[in-house]
PDB file of all heavy atoms in Angstrom:
ATOM      1  N   ILE A   1       0.835  -1.190  -0.015  1.00  0.00           N
ATOM      2  CA  ILE A   1       0.019   0.002  -0.005  1.00  0.00           C
ATOM      3  C   ILE A   1       0.878   1.263   0.002  1.00  0.00           C
ATOM      4  O   ILE A   1       0.446   2.311  -0.484  1.00  0.00           O
ATOM      5  CB  ILE A   1      -0.925  -0.027   1.245  1.00  0.00           C
ATOM      6  CG1 ILE A   1      -1.941   1.149   1.165  1.00  0.00           C
ATOM      7  CG2 ILE A   1      -0.161  -0.035   2.490  1.00  0.00           C
ATOM      8  CD1 ILE A   1      -2.818   1.147  -0.032  1.00  0.00           C
ATOM      9  N   GLN A   2       2.114   1.157   0.497  1.00  0.00           N
ATOM     10  CA  GLN A   2       2.998   2.362   0.517  1.00  0.00           C
ATOM     11  C   GLN A   2       3.485   2.755  -0.881  1.00  0.00           C
ATOM     12  O   GLN A   2       3.990   3.840  -1.048  1.00  0.00           O
ATOM     13  CB  GLN A   2       4.188   2.084   1.428  1.00  0.00           C
ATOM     14  CG  GLN A   2       3.969   2.451   2.898  1.00  0.00           C
ATOM     15  CD  GLN A   2       3.194   1.371   3.616  1.00  0.00           C
ATOM     16  OE1 GLN A   2       3.042   0.265   3.126  1.00  0.00           O
ATOM     17  NE2 GLN A   2       2.712   1.695   4.795  1.00  0.00           N
ATOM     18  N   THR A   3       3.339   1.851  -1.841  1.00  0.00           N
ATOM     19  CA  THR A   3       3.779   2.167  -3.220  1.00  0.00           C
ATOM     20  C   THR A   3       2.617   2.686  -4.080  1.00  0.00           C
ATOM     21  O   THR A   3       2.884   3.133  -5.227  1.00  0.00           O
ATOM     22  CB  THR A   3       4.400   0.948  -3.896  1.00  0.00           C
ATOM     23  OG1 THR A   3       3.389  -0.112  -3.954  1.00  0.00           O
ATOM     24  CG2 THR A   3       5.586   0.424  -3.089  1.00  0.00           C
ATOM     25  N   MET A   4       1.394   2.645  -3.576  1.00  0.00           N
ATOM     26  CA  MET A   4       0.246   3.091  -4.364  1.00  0.00           C
ATOM     27  C   MET A   4       0.176   4.605  -4.439  1.00  0.00           C
ATOM     28  O   MET A   4       0.604   5.314  -3.496  1.00  0.00           O
ATOM     29  CB  MET A   4      -1.005   2.512  -3.766  1.00  0.00           C
ATOM     30  CG  MET A   4      -1.134   1.015  -3.879  1.00  0.00           C
ATOM     31  SD  MET A   4      -1.225   0.378  -5.562  1.00  0.00           S
ATOM     32  CE  MET A   4       0.358  -0.456  -5.687  1.00  0.00           C
ATOM     33  N   HIS A   5      -0.344   5.108  -5.547  1.00  0.00           N
ATOM     34  CA  HIS A   5      -0.409   6.560  -5.786  1.00  0.00           C
ATOM     35  C   HIS A   5      -1.738   6.899  -6.427  1.00  0.00           C
ATOM     36  O   HIS A   5      -2.230   6.179  -7.328  1.00  0.00           O
ATOM     37  CB  HIS A   5       0.756   6.996  -6.667  1.00  0.00           C
ATOM     38  CG  HIS A   5       0.746   8.459  -6.967  1.00  0.00           C
ATOM     39  ND1 HIS A   5       0.126   8.979  -8.121  1.00  0.00           N
ATOM     40  CD2 HIS A   5       1.265   9.510  -6.311  1.00  0.00           C
ATOM     41  CE1 HIS A   5       0.244  10.290  -8.084  1.00  0.00           C
ATOM     42  NE2 HIS A   5       0.921  10.649  -7.022  1.00  0.00           N
ATOM     43  N   SER A   6      -2.355   7.978  -5.937  1.00  0.00           N
ATOM     44  CA  SER A   6      -3.571   8.491  -6.546  1.00  0.00           C
ATOM     45  C   SER A   6      -3.311   9.892  -7.099  1.00  0.00           C
ATOM     46  O   SER A   6      -2.758  10.758  -6.418  1.00  0.00           O
ATOM     47  CB  SER A   6      -4.682   8.552  -5.445  1.00  0.00           C
ATOM     48  OG  SER A   6      -5.843   9.151  -6.002  1.00  0.00           O
ATOM     49  N   ASP A   7      -3.715  10.099  -8.366  1.00  0.00           N
ATOM     50  CA  ASP A   7      -3.462  11.392  -9.002  1.00  0.00           C
ATOM     51  C   ASP A   7      -4.403  12.488  -8.520  1.00  0.00           C
ATOM     52  O   ASP A   7      -4.268  13.674  -8.878  1.00  0.00           O
ATOM     53  CB  ASP A   7      -3.549  11.266 -10.526  1.00  0.00           C
ATOM     54  CG  ASP A   7      -4.863  10.639 -10.985  1.00  0.00           C
ATOM     55  OD1 ASP A   7      -5.754  10.454 -10.118  1.00  0.00           O
ATOM     56  OD2 ASP A   7      -5.007  10.368 -12.182  1.00  0.00           O
ATOM     57  N   THR A   8      -5.384  12.141  -7.690  1.00  0.00           N
ATOM     58  CA  THR A   8      -6.282  13.174  -7.111  1.00  0.00           C
ATOM     59  C   THR A   8      -5.779  13.707  -5.801  1.00  0.00           C
ATOM     60  O   THR A   8      -6.402  14.613  -5.211  1.00  0.00           O
ATOM     61  CB  THR A   8      -7.682  12.553  -6.920  1.00  0.00           C
ATOM     62  OG1 THR A   8      -7.598  11.450  -6.006  1.00  0.00           O
ATOM     63  CG2 THR A   8      -8.245  12.053  -8.234  1.00  0.00           C
ATOM     64  N   ILE A   9      -4.670  13.180  -5.308  1.00  0.00           N
ATOM     65  CA  ILE A   9      -4.120  13.590  -3.997  1.00  0.00           C
ATOM     66  C   ILE A   9      -2.689  14.072  -4.229  1.00  0.00           C
ATOM     67  O   ILE A   9      -1.923  13.401  -4.928  1.00  0.00           O
ATOM     68  CB  ILE A   9      -4.146  12.454  -2.977  1.00  0.00           C
ATOM     69  CG1 ILE A   9      -5.574  11.909  -2.815  1.00  0.00           C
ATOM     70  CG2 ILE A   9      -3.609  12.899  -1.631  1.00  0.00           C
ATOM     71  CD1 ILE A   9      -5.662  10.684  -1.923  1.00  0.00           C
ATOM     72  N   GLU A  10      -2.366  15.205  -3.632  1.00  0.00           N
ATOM     73  CA  GLU A  10      -0.996  15.703  -3.740  1.00  0.00           C
ATOM     74  C   GLU A  10      -0.114  14.950  -2.775  1.00  0.00           C
ATOM     75  O   GLU A  10      -0.525  14.510  -1.719  1.00  0.00           O
ATOM     76  CB  GLU A  10      -0.969  17.232  -3.413  1.00  0.00           C
ATOM     77  CG  GLU A  10      -1.708  18.093  -4.418  1.00  0.00           C
ATOM     78  CD  GLU A  10      -1.548  19.558  -4.080  1.00  0.00           C
ATOM     79  OE1 GLU A  10      -0.658  19.861  -3.295  1.00  0.00           O
ATOM     80  OE2 GLU A  10      -2.300  20.344  -4.653  1.00  0.00           O
ATOM     81  N   GLY A  11       1.162  14.834  -3.150  1.00  0.00           N
ATOM     82  CA  GLY A  11       2.108  14.156  -2.292  1.00  0.00           C
ATOM     83  C   GLY A  11       2.691  12.941  -2.995  1.00  0.00           C
ATOM     84  O   GLY A  11       2.128  12.365  -3.936  1.00  0.00           O
ATOM     85  N   ALA A  12       3.844  12.531  -2.532  1.00  0.00           N
ATOM     86  CA  ALA A  12       4.527  11.378  -3.072  1.00  0.00           C
ATOM     87  C   ALA A  12       3.971  10.082  -2.517  1.00  0.00           C
ATOM     88  O   ALA A  12       3.329  10.077  -1.426  1.00  0.00           O
ATOM     89  CB  ALA A  12       6.046  11.484  -2.772  1.00  0.00           C
ATOM     90  N   PRO A  13       4.133   8.934  -3.193  1.00  0.00           N
ATOM     91  CA  PRO A  13       3.677   7.685  -2.634  1.00  0.00           C
ATOM     92  C   PRO A  13       4.341   7.396  -1.297  1.00  0.00           C
ATOM     93  O   PRO A  13       5.522   7.628  -1.114  1.00  0.00           O
ATOM     94  CB  PRO A  13       4.105   6.660  -3.700  1.00  0.00           C
ATOM     95  CG  PRO A  13       4.218   7.449  -4.939  1.00  0.00           C
ATOM     96  CD  PRO A  13       4.666   8.820  -4.580  1.00  0.00           C
ATOM     97  N   GLY A  14       3.567   6.909  -0.364  1.00  0.00           N
ATOM     98  CA  GLY A  14       4.062   6.604   0.995  1.00  0.00           C
ATOM     99  C   GLY A  14       3.777   7.677   2.005  1.00  0.00           C
ATOM    100  O   GLY A  14       3.900   7.421   3.193  1.00  0.00           O
ATOM    101  N   THR A  15       3.334   8.858   1.567  1.00  0.00           N
ATOM    102  CA  THR A  15       2.975   9.902   2.516  1.00  0.00           C
ATOM    103  C   THR A  15       1.656   9.547   3.193  1.00  0.00           C
ATOM    104  O   THR A  15       0.890   8.660   2.728  1.00  0.00           O
ATOM    105  CB  THR A  15       2.886  11.254   1.838  1.00  0.00           C
ATOM    106  OG1 THR A  15       1.913  11.186   0.751  1.00  0.00           O
ATOM    107  CG2 THR A  15       4.256  11.662   1.261  1.00  0.00           C
ATOM    108  N   VAL A  16       1.355  10.269   4.276  1.00  0.00           N
ATOM    109  CA  VAL A  16       0.143   9.957   5.027  1.00  0.00           C
ATOM    110  C   VAL A  16      -1.117  10.130   4.176  1.00  0.00           C
ATOM    111  O   VAL A  16      -1.998   9.283   4.167  1.00  0.00           O
ATOM    112  CB  VAL A  16       0.062  10.895   6.292  1.00  0.00           C
ATOM    113  CG1 VAL A  16      -1.255  10.674   6.985  1.00  0.00           C
ATOM    114  CG2 VAL A  16       1.201  10.554   7.217  1.00  0.00           C
ATOM    115  N   SER A  17      -1.180  11.236   3.420  1.00  0.00           N
ATOM    116  CA  SER A  17      -2.386  11.471   2.618  1.00  0.00           C
ATOM    117  C   SER A  17      -2.518  10.442   1.522  1.00  0.00           C
ATOM    118  O   SER A  17      -3.663  10.009   1.236  1.00  0.00           O
ATOM    119  CB  SER A  17      -2.270  12.896   2.027  1.00  0.00           C
ATOM    120  OG  SER A  17      -1.097  13.064   1.285  1.00  0.00           O
ATOM    121  N   GLN A  18      -1.433  10.044   0.879  1.00  0.00           N
ATOM    122  CA  GLN A  18      -1.517   9.098  -0.226  1.00  0.00           C
ATOM    123  C   GLN A  18      -1.903   7.704   0.319  1.00  0.00           C
ATOM    124  O   GLN A  18      -2.796   7.043  -0.261  1.00  0.00           O
ATOM    125  CB  GLN A  18      -0.172   8.969  -0.935  1.00  0.00           C
ATOM    126  CG  GLN A  18       0.096  10.125  -1.872  1.00  0.00           C
ATOM    127  CD  GLN A  18      -0.702  10.041  -3.155  1.00  0.00           C
ATOM    128  OE1 GLN A  18      -1.400   9.025  -3.408  1.00  0.00           O
ATOM    129  NE2 GLN A  18      -0.681  11.106  -3.964  1.00  0.00           N
ATOM    130  N   VAL A  19      -1.299   7.263   1.405  1.00  0.00           N
ATOM    131  CA  VAL A  19      -1.645   5.957   1.972  1.00  0.00           C
ATOM    132  C   VAL A  19      -3.088   5.914   2.397  1.00  0.00           C
ATOM    133  O   VAL A  19      -3.817   4.939   2.109  1.00  0.00           O
ATOM    134  CB  VAL A  19      -0.682   5.627   3.142  1.00  0.00           C
ATOM    135  CG1 VAL A  19      -1.164   4.377   3.872  1.00  0.00           C
ATOM    136  CG2 VAL A  19       0.737   5.411   2.636  1.00  0.00           C
ATOM    137  N   ARG A  20      -3.535   6.937   3.096  1.00  0.00           N
ATOM    138  CA  ARG A  20      -4.904   6.954   3.561  1.00  0.00           C
ATOM    139  C   ARG A  20      -5.917   7.023   2.388  1.00  0.00           C
ATOM    140  O   ARG A  20      -6.934   6.301   2.378  1.00  0.00           O
ATOM    141  CB  ARG A  20      -5.103   8.139   4.505  1.00  0.00           C
ATOM    142  CG  ARG A  20      -6.474   8.268   5.148  1.00  0.00           C
ATOM    143  CD  ARG A  20      -6.450   9.360   6.175  1.00  0.00           C
ATOM    144  NE  ARG A  20      -5.930  10.585   5.621  1.00  0.00           N
ATOM    145  CZ  ARG A  20      -5.474  11.586   6.367  1.00  0.00           C
ATOM    146  NH1 ARG A  20      -5.445  11.481   7.681  1.00  0.00           N
ATOM    147  NH2 ARG A  20      -5.024  12.701   5.801  1.00  0.00           N
ATOM    148  N   GLY A  21      -5.657   7.910   1.399  1.00  0.00           N
ATOM    149  CA  GLY A  21      -6.555   8.018   0.292  1.00  0.00           C
ATOM    150  C   GLY A  21      -6.610   6.794  -0.589  1.00  0.00           C
ATOM    151  O   GLY A  21      -7.709   6.334  -1.002  1.00  0.00           O
ATOM    152  N   CYS A  22      -5.459   6.204  -0.902  1.00  0.00           N
ATOM    153  CA  CYS A  22      -5.429   4.971  -1.702  1.00  0.00           C
ATOM    154  C   CYS A  22      -6.111   3.834  -1.022  1.00  0.00           C
ATOM    155  O   CYS A  22      -6.864   3.049  -1.633  1.00  0.00           O
ATOM    156  CB  CYS A  22      -3.999   4.622  -2.062  1.00  0.00           C
ATOM    157  SG  CYS A  22      -3.146   5.840  -3.137  1.00  0.00           S
ATOM    158  N   ALA A  23      -5.874   3.684   0.262  1.00  0.00           N
ATOM    159  CA  ALA A  23      -6.503   2.605   1.026  1.00  0.00           C
ATOM    160  C   ALA A  23      -8.021   2.800   1.062  1.00  0.00           C
ATOM    161  O   ALA A  23      -8.777   1.810   0.943  1.00  0.00           O
ATOM    162  CB  ALA A  23      -5.938   2.550   2.482  1.00  0.00           C
ATOM    163  N   PHE A  24      -8.482   4.019   1.200  1.00  0.00           N
ATOM    164  CA  PHE A  24      -9.918   4.282   1.221  1.00  0.00           C
ATOM    165  C   PHE A  24     -10.567   3.864  -0.113  1.00  0.00           C
ATOM    166  O   PHE A  24     -11.633   3.214  -0.097  1.00  0.00           O
ATOM    167  CB  PHE A  24     -10.174   5.746   1.473  1.00  0.00           C
ATOM    168  CG  PHE A  24     -11.624   6.134   1.416  1.00  0.00           C
ATOM    169  CD1 PHE A  24     -12.497   5.839   2.458  1.00  0.00           C
ATOM    170  CD2 PHE A  24     -12.133   6.798   0.294  1.00  0.00           C
ATOM    171  CE1 PHE A  24     -13.835   6.186   2.373  1.00  0.00           C
ATOM    172  CE2 PHE A  24     -13.456   7.151   0.225  1.00  0.00           C
ATOM    173  CZ  PHE A  24     -14.333   6.843   1.265  1.00  0.00           C
ATOM    174  N   GLU A  25      -9.942   4.190  -1.239  1.00  0.00           N
ATOM    175  CA  GLU A  25     -10.528   3.840  -2.529  1.00  0.00           C
ATOM    176  C   GLU A  25     -10.531   2.315  -2.711  1.00  0.00           C
ATOM    177  O   GLU A  25     -11.509   1.744  -3.224  1.00  0.00           O
ATOM    178  CB  GLU A  25      -9.715   4.491  -3.644  1.00  0.00           C
ATOM    179  CG  GLU A  25      -9.826   6.004  -3.681  1.00  0.00           C
ATOM    180  CD  GLU A  25     -11.215   6.460  -4.048  1.00  0.00           C
ATOM    181  OE1 GLU A  25     -11.947   5.692  -4.732  1.00  0.00           O
ATOM    182  OE2 GLU A  25     -11.641   7.555  -3.625  1.00  0.00           O
ATOM    183  N   LEU A  26      -9.478   1.661  -2.335  1.00  0.00           N
ATOM    184  CA  LEU A  26      -9.414   0.176  -2.493  1.00  0.00           C
ATOM    185  C   LEU A  26     -10.394  -0.501  -1.585  1.00  0.00           C
ATOM    186  O   LEU A  26     -11.040  -1.488  -1.990  1.00  0.00           O
ATOM    187  CB  LEU A  26      -7.992  -0.272  -2.252  1.00  0.00           C
ATOM    188  CG  LEU A  26      -6.939   0.142  -3.289  1.00  0.00           C
ATOM    189  CD1 LEU A  26      -5.533  -0.166  -2.779  1.00  0.00           C
ATOM    190  CD2 LEU A  26      -7.175  -0.555  -4.599  1.00  0.00           C
ATOM    191  N   ILE A  27     -10.510  -0.041  -0.347  1.00  0.00           N
ATOM    192  CA  ILE A  27     -11.461  -0.652   0.596  1.00  0.00           C
ATOM    193  C   ILE A  27     -12.895  -0.451   0.140  1.00  0.00           C
ATOM    194  O   ILE A  27     -13.725  -1.332   0.245  1.00  0.00           O
ATOM    195  CB  ILE A  27     -11.229  -0.098   1.999  1.00  0.00           C
ATOM    196  CG1 ILE A  27      -9.865  -0.562   2.535  1.00  0.00           C
ATOM    197  CG2 ILE A  27     -12.331  -0.542   2.961  1.00  0.00           C
ATOM    198  CD1 ILE A  27      -9.473   0.079   3.856  1.00  0.00           C
ATOM    199  N   ARG A  28     -13.183   0.723  -0.402  1.00  0.00           N
ATOM    200  CA  ARG A  28     -14.555   0.998  -0.893  1.00  0.00           C
ATOM    201  C   ARG A  28     -14.873   0.063  -2.085  1.00  0.00           C
ATOM    202  O   ARG A  28     -16.006  -0.484  -2.176  1.00  0.00           O
ATOM    203  CB  ARG A  28     -14.681   2.428  -1.337  1.00  0.00           C
ATOM    204  CG  ARG A  28     -16.087   2.795  -1.797  1.00  0.00           C
ATOM    205  CD  ARG A  28     -16.237   4.276  -2.034  1.00  0.00           C
ATOM    206  NE  ARG A  28     -15.369   4.766  -3.097  1.00  0.00           N
ATOM    207  CZ  ARG A  28     -15.333   6.022  -3.528  1.00  0.00           C
ATOM    208  NH1 ARG A  28     -16.140   6.920  -2.961  1.00  0.00           N
ATOM    209  NH2 ARG A  28     -14.522   6.382  -4.489  1.00  0.00           N
ATOM    210  N   TYR A  29     -13.911  -0.172  -2.941  1.00  0.00           N
ATOM    211  CA  TYR A  29     -14.156  -1.121  -4.044  1.00  0.00           C
ATOM    212  C   TYR A  29     -14.424  -2.512  -3.492  1.00  0.00           C
ATOM    213  O   TYR A  29     -15.299  -3.239  -3.995  1.00  0.00           O
ATOM    214  CB  TYR A  29     -12.938  -1.137  -4.980  1.00  0.00           C
ATOM    215  CG  TYR A  29     -12.990  -2.238  -6.019  1.00  0.00           C
ATOM    216  CD1 TYR A  29     -13.743  -2.089  -7.172  1.00  0.00           C
ATOM    217  CD2 TYR A  29     -12.340  -3.453  -5.812  1.00  0.00           C
ATOM    218  CE1 TYR A  29     -13.821  -3.093  -8.125  1.00  0.00           C
ATOM    219  CE2 TYR A  29     -12.408  -4.460  -6.766  1.00  0.00           C
ATOM    220  CZ  TYR A  29     -13.144  -4.289  -7.891  1.00  0.00           C
ATOM    221  OH  TYR A  29     -13.219  -5.318  -8.826  1.00  0.00           O
TER     222      TYR A  29
END
C-alpha cells in the first residue's frame, strides 16, 4: 500500500495522505 499513488491527492507515494486516500478507494471497491 505504501507504493500506491492516486493522482487526485497531492504528495509522493508513501505519505500519510496518499496511503490513507489509496486505502480508502481500494477498501470501498
